[in-house]
Amino acid sequence: MLENHPQPHDIQLEQVLFALGNPVRLAVLQSLAQHGEQSCNALRGDIAKSTMTHHWRVLRDSGIIWQRPVGRENLISLRRDCLEQRFPGLLAALLAALARG
């Protein structure tokens, strides 16, 4: 496992909720849920690379995303199975709330 990716049993609810308490990180969650694994550059949009690096770190350290290097960039994917194992129904509820707006 890559550095800073917590084991499923180490993912804490308060860390997940803190990480998702930001609109940029919520948008990343929604995009990953809808489109699957994506490159950092595809998810970044117009936001500064340094700012997104911070958001990736928060999401990764909380256990929400996998970040894996491929060549000169990182691919980001949702840790759907880990989150479902740790907090059944949480991800579905969050995504449903996001869809309702």
N, C-alpha and C. Protein backbone atom coordinates (compact mmCIF):
# COMPACT_ATOMS: atom_id res chain seq x y z
N MET A 1 0.84 -1.18 0.00
CA MET A 1 0.00 0.00 0.00
C MET A 1 0.88 1.24 0.00
N LEU A 2 0.45 2.27 -0.70
CA LEU A 2 1.23 3.50 -0.77
C LEU A 2 1.19 4.24 0.55
N GLU A 3 2.19 5.05 0.74
CA GLU A 3 2.31 5.87 1.93
C GLU A 3 1.08 6.76 2.10
N ASN A 4 0.67 6.97 3.34
CA ASN A 4 -0.44 7.86 3.71
C ASN A 4 -1.82 7.38 3.28
N HIS A 5 -1.94 6.13 2.92
CA HIS A 5 -3.25 5.56 2.64
C HIS A 5 -3.61 4.67 3.84
N PRO A 6 -4.54 5.14 4.68
CA PRO A 6 -4.86 4.34 5.87
C PRO A 6 -5.51 3.00 5.51
N GLN A 7 -5.28 2.03 6.35
CA GLN A 7 -5.96 0.75 6.23
C GLN A 7 -7.46 0.99 6.48
N PRO A 8 -8.33 0.16 5.89
CA PRO A 8 -9.77 0.38 6.10
C PRO A 8 -10.18 0.50 7.57
N HIS A 9 -9.61 -0.32 8.44
CA HIS A 9 -10.01 -0.26 9.86
C HIS A 9 -9.49 1.00 10.56
N ASP A 10 -8.57 1.74 9.92
CA ASP A 10 -8.04 2.98 10.49
C ASP A 10 -8.77 4.23 10.00
N ILE A 11 -9.69 4.08 9.04
CA ILE A 11 -10.44 5.23 8.54
C ILE A 11 -11.42 5.67 9.63
N GLN A 12 -11.35 6.93 9.99
CA GLN A 12 -12.17 7.48 11.06
C GLN A 12 -13.27 8.38 10.50
N LEU A 13 -14.47 8.24 11.02
CA LEU A 13 -15.62 9.01 10.54
C LEU A 13 -15.37 10.51 10.62
N GLU A 14 -14.80 10.97 11.72
CA GLU A 14 -14.57 12.42 11.86
C GLU A 14 -13.60 12.94 10.81
N GLN A 15 -12.62 12.12 10.40
CA GLN A 15 -11.68 12.53 9.35
C GLN A 15 -12.38 12.60 7.99
N VAL A 16 -13.24 11.63 7.72
CA VAL A 16 -13.98 11.61 6.46
C VAL A 16 -14.90 12.82 6.38
N LEU A 17 -15.64 13.09 7.45
CA LEU A 17 -16.56 14.22 7.45
C LEU A 17 -15.81 15.55 7.37
N PHE A 18 -14.67 15.66 8.05
CA PHE A 18 -13.85 16.87 7.94
C PHE A 18 -13.40 17.07 6.50
N ALA A 19 -12.89 16.01 5.88
CA ALA A 19 -12.38 16.11 4.52
C ALA A 19 -13.48 16.55 3.55
N LEU A 20 -14.70 16.09 3.77
CA LEU A 20 -15.79 16.41 2.87
C LEU A 20 -16.52 17.70 3.25
N GLY A 21 -15.99 18.42 4.22
CA GLY A 21 -16.56 19.69 4.63
C GLY A 21 -16.07 20.85 3.77
N ASN A 22 -15.61 20.56 2.58
CA ASN A 22 -15.09 21.57 1.67
C ASN A 22 -15.74 21.35 0.31
N PRO A 23 -16.25 22.39 -0.34
CA PRO A 23 -16.95 22.21 -1.61
C PRO A 23 -16.07 21.65 -2.73
N VAL A 24 -14.79 21.98 -2.74
CA VAL A 24 -13.90 21.45 -3.78
C VAL A 24 -13.75 19.95 -3.60
N ARG A 25 -13.54 19.51 -2.38
CA ARG A 25 -13.37 18.08 -2.13
C ARG A 25 -14.67 17.31 -2.34
N LEU A 26 -15.81 17.94 -2.05
CA LEU A 26 -17.10 17.31 -2.36
C LEU A 26 -17.27 17.13 -3.86
N ALA A 27 -16.84 18.12 -4.63
CA ALA A 27 -16.92 18.03 -6.09
C ALA A 27 -16.02 16.91 -6.61
N VAL A 28 -14.85 16.74 -6.02
CA VAL A 28 -13.96 15.64 -6.40
C VAL A 28 -14.63 14.31 -6.11
N LEU A 29 -15.23 14.17 -4.94
CA LEU A 29 -15.94 12.95 -4.58
C LEU A 29 -17.02 12.63 -5.61
N GLN A 30 -17.80 13.61 -5.95
CA GLN A 30 -18.89 13.42 -6.90
C GLN A 30 -18.35 13.03 -8.28
N SER A 31 -17.31 13.67 -8.72
CA SER A 31 -16.72 13.36 -10.02
C SER A 31 -16.15 11.95 -10.07
N LEU A 32 -15.45 11.56 -9.02
CA LEU A 32 -14.90 10.21 -8.97
C LEU A 32 -16.00 9.15 -8.92
N ALA A 33 -17.07 9.44 -8.20
CA ALA A 33 -18.18 8.50 -8.11
C ALA A 33 -18.86 8.33 -9.47
N GLN A 34 -18.95 9.41 -10.22
CA GLN A 34 -19.63 9.37 -11.51
C GLN A 34 -18.76 8.83 -12.64
N HIS A 35 -17.47 9.18 -12.62
CA HIS A 35 -16.61 8.90 -13.77
C HIS A 35 -15.48 7.91 -13.49
N GLY A 36 -15.31 7.49 -12.27
CA GLY A 36 -14.24 6.56 -11.93
C GLY A 36 -12.88 7.23 -11.87
N GLU A 37 -11.84 6.44 -11.94
CA GLU A 37 -10.48 6.92 -11.79
C GLU A 37 -10.15 8.00 -12.83
N GLN A 38 -9.47 9.05 -12.35
CA GLN A 38 -9.10 10.17 -13.21
C GLN A 38 -7.73 10.68 -12.83
N SER A 39 -7.10 11.37 -13.75
CA SER A 39 -5.81 11.98 -13.45
C SER A 39 -6.03 13.23 -12.61
N CYS A 40 -5.00 13.58 -11.86
CA CYS A 40 -5.06 14.81 -11.06
C CYS A 40 -5.36 16.01 -11.94
N ASN A 41 -4.73 16.05 -13.10
CA ASN A 41 -4.92 17.19 -13.99
C ASN A 41 -6.36 17.30 -14.48
N ALA A 42 -6.99 16.18 -14.74
CA ALA A 42 -8.39 16.20 -15.20
C ALA A 42 -9.32 16.72 -14.11
N LEU A 43 -9.00 16.43 -12.87
CA LEU A 43 -9.85 16.85 -11.76
C LEU A 43 -9.56 18.28 -11.29
N ARG A 44 -8.40 18.80 -11.64
CA ARG A 44 -7.95 20.08 -11.10
C ARG A 44 -8.74 21.26 -11.63
N GLY A 45 -9.08 21.26 -12.90
CA GLY A 45 -9.79 22.40 -13.48
C GLY A 45 -8.94 23.65 -13.43
N ASP A 46 -9.54 24.76 -12.99
CA ASP A 46 -8.85 26.05 -12.94
C ASP A 46 -8.19 26.33 -11.60
N ILE A 47 -8.21 25.38 -10.70
CA ILE A 47 -7.65 25.58 -9.36
C ILE A 47 -6.14 25.37 -9.41
N ALA A 48 -5.41 26.19 -8.68
CA ALA A 48 -3.95 26.10 -8.65
C ALA A 48 -3.49 24.71 -8.23
N LYS A 49 -2.42 24.25 -8.84
CA LYS A 49 -1.89 22.92 -8.55
C LYS A 49 -1.55 22.76 -7.08
N SER A 50 -0.97 23.80 -6.47
CA SER A 50 -0.59 23.72 -5.06
C SER A 50 -1.82 23.59 -4.16
N THR A 51 -2.89 24.26 -4.52
CA THR A 51 -4.14 24.16 -3.75
C THR A 51 -4.72 22.76 -3.87
N MET A 52 -4.72 22.21 -5.08
CA MET A 52 -5.26 20.87 -5.26
C MET A 52 -4.38 19.82 -4.59
N THR A 53 -3.08 20.05 -4.54
CA THR A 53 -2.20 19.13 -3.82
C THR A 53 -2.64 19.02 -2.37
N HIS A 54 -3.01 20.13 -1.78
CA HIS A 54 -3.51 20.12 -0.40
C HIS A 54 -4.82 19.31 -0.32
N HIS A 55 -5.72 19.53 -1.25
CA HIS A 55 -7.00 18.80 -1.24
C HIS A 55 -6.78 17.30 -1.43
N TRP A 56 -5.85 16.93 -2.33
CA TRP A 56 -5.56 15.50 -2.52
C TRP A 56 -5.05 14.89 -1.22
N ARG A 57 -4.16 15.62 -0.54
CA ARG A 57 -3.59 15.10 0.70
C ARG A 57 -4.69 14.88 1.75
N VAL A 58 -5.58 15.82 1.91
CA VAL A 58 -6.66 15.69 2.89
C VAL A 58 -7.55 14.49 2.54
N LEU A 59 -7.91 14.36 1.28
CA LEU A 59 -8.76 13.24 0.85
C LEU A 59 -8.04 11.91 1.01
N ARG A 60 -6.76 11.86 0.65
CA ARG A 60 -5.98 10.62 0.76
C ARG A 60 -5.78 10.23 2.22
N ASP A 61 -5.35 11.17 3.04
CA ASP A 61 -5.07 10.87 4.44
C ASP A 61 -6.31 10.47 5.22
N SER A 62 -7.48 10.93 4.78
CA SER A 62 -8.73 10.58 5.46
C SER A 62 -9.25 9.21 5.02
N GLY A 63 -8.70 8.68 3.93
CA GLY A 63 -9.12 7.37 3.45
C GLY A 63 -10.19 7.40 2.37
N ILE A 64 -10.46 8.56 1.80
CA ILE A 64 -11.51 8.68 0.79
C ILE A 64 -11.03 8.31 -0.60
N ILE A 65 -9.77 8.61 -0.90
CA ILE A 65 -9.25 8.33 -2.24
C ILE A 65 -7.99 7.49 -2.20
N TRP A 66 -7.74 6.81 -3.32
CA TRP A 66 -6.45 6.19 -3.61
C TRP A 66 -5.74 7.15 -4.55
N GLN A 67 -4.47 7.33 -4.34
CA GLN A 67 -3.66 8.15 -5.23
C GLN A 67 -2.47 7.30 -5.64
N ARG A 68 -2.33 7.06 -6.95
CA ARG A 68 -1.23 6.21 -7.40
C ARG A 68 -0.49 6.88 -8.54
N PRO A 69 0.83 6.83 -8.47
CA PRO A 69 1.63 7.45 -9.53
C PRO A 69 1.64 6.59 -10.80
N VAL A 70 1.50 7.26 -11.92
CA VAL A 70 1.63 6.63 -13.23
C VAL A 70 2.42 7.62 -14.09
N GLY A 71 3.65 7.26 -14.38
CA GLY A 71 4.50 8.18 -15.13
C GLY A 71 4.74 9.45 -14.33
N ARG A 72 4.44 10.58 -14.94
CA ARG A 72 4.69 11.87 -14.30
C ARG A 72 3.45 12.46 -13.63
N GLU A 73 2.39 11.69 -13.54
CA GLU A 73 1.19 12.21 -12.88
C GLU A 73 0.62 11.16 -11.93
N ASN A 74 -0.38 11.57 -11.18
CA ASN A 74 -1.06 10.66 -10.26
C ASN A 74 -2.48 10.42 -10.74
N LEU A 75 -2.93 9.20 -10.56
CA LEU A 75 -4.32 8.87 -10.82
C LEU A 75 -5.04 8.79 -9.49
N ILE A 76 -6.26 9.30 -9.48
CA ILE A 76 -7.07 9.38 -8.27
C ILE A 76 -8.30 8.50 -8.46
N SER A 77 -8.59 7.69 -7.44
CA SER A 77 -9.82 6.89 -7.48
C SER A 77 -10.45 6.88 -6.09
N LEU A 78 -11.73 6.65 -6.09
CA LEU A 78 -12.52 6.61 -4.86
C LEU A 78 -12.33 5.27 -4.17
N ARG A 79 -12.14 5.28 -2.88
CA ARG A 79 -12.00 4.05 -2.11
C ARG A 79 -13.40 3.56 -1.70
N ARG A 80 -14.22 3.33 -2.68
CA ARG A 80 -15.62 2.97 -2.48
C ARG A 80 -15.77 1.75 -1.58
N ASP A 81 -15.04 0.67 -1.88
CA ASP A 81 -15.16 -0.56 -1.09
C ASP A 81 -14.72 -0.37 0.36
N CYS A 82 -13.63 0.37 0.55
CA CYS A 82 -13.14 0.61 1.91
C CYS A 82 -14.13 1.43 2.73
N LEU A 83 -14.69 2.47 2.10
CA LEU A 83 -15.66 3.31 2.80
C LEU A 83 -16.94 2.53 3.12
N GLU A 84 -17.37 1.72 2.18
CA GLU A 84 -18.59 0.93 2.40
C GLU A 84 -18.36 -0.11 3.51
N GLN A 85 -17.18 -0.71 3.52
CA GLN A 85 -16.85 -1.69 4.56
C GLN A 85 -16.83 -1.04 5.94
N ARG A 86 -16.27 0.14 6.01
CA ARG A 86 -16.10 0.82 7.30
C ARG A 86 -17.39 1.50 7.76
N PHE A 87 -18.09 2.16 6.83
CA PHE A 87 -19.30 2.92 7.16
C PHE A 87 -20.40 2.59 6.14
N PRO A 88 -21.07 1.45 6.31
CA PRO A 88 -22.08 1.02 5.34
C PRO A 88 -23.15 2.09 5.11
N GLY A 89 -23.36 2.41 3.83
CA GLY A 89 -24.41 3.36 3.46
C GLY A 89 -23.99 4.82 3.47
N LEU A 90 -22.87 5.14 4.06
CA LEU A 90 -22.46 6.55 4.17
C LEU A 90 -22.23 7.17 2.80
N LEU A 91 -21.46 6.51 1.97
CA LEU A 91 -21.13 7.06 0.66
C LEU A 91 -22.39 7.24 -0.19
N ALA A 92 -23.26 6.26 -0.17
CA ALA A 92 -24.52 6.36 -0.93
C ALA A 92 -25.35 7.53 -0.44
N ALA A 93 -25.41 7.73 0.87
CA ALA A 93 -26.18 8.85 1.43
C ALA A 93 -25.57 10.20 1.02
N LEU A 94 -24.25 10.29 1.07
CA LEU A 94 -23.57 11.54 0.68
C LEU A 94 -23.81 11.85 -0.79
N LEU A 95 -23.66 10.85 -1.64
CA LEU A 95 -23.86 11.06 -3.07
C LEU A 95 -25.31 11.40 -3.40
N ALA A 96 -26.24 10.79 -2.71
CA ALA A 96 -27.66 11.11 -2.90
C ALA A 96 -27.94 12.55 -2.50
N ALA A 97 -27.36 12.99 -1.40
CA ALA A 97 -27.55 14.38 -0.94
C ALA A 97 -26.94 15.36 -1.95
N LEU A 98 -25.79 15.02 -2.50
CA LEU A 98 -25.16 15.88 -3.50
C LEU A 98 -26.01 15.96 -4.77
N ALA A 99 -26.60 14.84 -5.15
CA ALA A 99 -27.43 14.81 -6.36
C ALA A 99 -28.69 15.67 -6.19
N ARG A 100 -29.22 15.70 -4.96
CA ARG A 100 -30.41 16.52 -4.69
C ARG A 100 -30.09 18.00 -4.67
N GLY A 101 -28.82 18.31 -4.45
CA GLY A 101 -28.39 19.71 -4.44
C GLY A 101 -28.65 20.34 -3.15
